[in-house]
Amino acid sequence: MFDLQSLESRRLLSATTLVIGQVDDAIRLNDGTTAHTGLADRVVYLDANDNGTLDSGELSTTTDLSGNFKLHVSAGSDTIRLVERSGWSVAGIDSITLDVSSSSTTLSAGTFTTRMTHPTRVDVLALYTPAARAGLDSRQMAAEVRSLFLQANQVYANSDTNTILNVVAITSTQYRESGSVDTDLDHLGSGDGILSNVVTLRKVDRADLVTLFTSGDRTLGADIGVAYEYDPTDSTPRENGFNVVALQHDTVDNDAFTLAHEIGHNLGAGHDQPDNDGPGVTSYAYGYHYIGNNGRLYQDVMDYSNGIVLPFFSTPDFSWAGEPIGNAKHADNARIIRESAPAVAKYY
């Protein structure tokens, strides 16, 4: 267990030079290109004896929420390495050697790039309404949607869900918002003819899930997203593969977190227990909030508290502000996503 806010968990050398760098997740997109997002709570260390292992007493640190790290080192030739997690592999260099002079104040170590070794790819068809564009042309809107999915994928990667949201198509629709995300979801998933082309588009694109982006300005009430829950006992589970995200286009409500949240429901993730609608898919499929050692309230993306939202699903495997972001018995949404994603990825 590592504390994300501890810049240094152990000191081996006196601090003279600040070394900065980043750890990235390399995501292969549907068009063959690769996108990068920073990975939080990844361990980087100074390999003093150059044996490729983080040993007791060696200087180490963890990345922040953007994937950046800092290490203070003294003059000399220093090898910096990334601790590889199970299920991940380094895509490129696995060590960085720096020659630190006594006069150095700050040095850039560059970037460690890593990726999931055998991820589950869940294919998503993204639709948007005319009002959701908010003045953007079709090319700009497509770029906005791709950006939202990239940021949502960071949440899935941070939490080690072994899942990638793969956008197979981005398509406009002439649907006009009803004013309620629940009604919009019913029209999206029911095949009632109001969104008549969705069934055909989903089959053509072989999309496991369908996301409809609507306008937050045309949505009444406090709800800004909704999704059908994953149900492994359902005889027609693919009919649960729909979600709606009402775009806010502001700095208060993070649209990417909303997207990660709603697709999380499609994959079995639940709210925190007091706010969940009925029992979770499993006893541990719930969100989580907690007080950090700094006295602040934190929460994962599925929780309904008014805390600081972390780019994580609940998980006991990662920490922030001195406390784990979940627990194995009652709050491990990352686990249920890892378990359910292979089934969802077979919808089409």
Foldseek 3Di string as FASTA:
>chain_A
DDAQPPQKPADQADFQAKEKEFEWEWDQAPVRDTDIFTAWFWKKWWPPVPPLDDDPRTIMHTAHLRGMHIDGHAAAKIKMATDDDPQKDWDDDGIFIDGGDNPHHYHYRYYTYMYGPQAQEAEEEEEEEPVLCVPPDPVVVVVVVVVLQVLLQSQLVNAVLSYHYHYQYYYYDHQDDPQAQVVVQCCLLVCPCSRVCNVVVCVVSVGLAYEYEYAPVSHDDDDQKAFFAQDPVDPQRSSRRYMYGHDDPDDPDRSSLRVSQRVLRNLFAAEAVVPGDDDGNDQARYWDWDQAPVRFIETESRYDDPGHYRSYAQCQPGHYNHHHRHDDRHGRSSHSNSVRSVVSSPSD
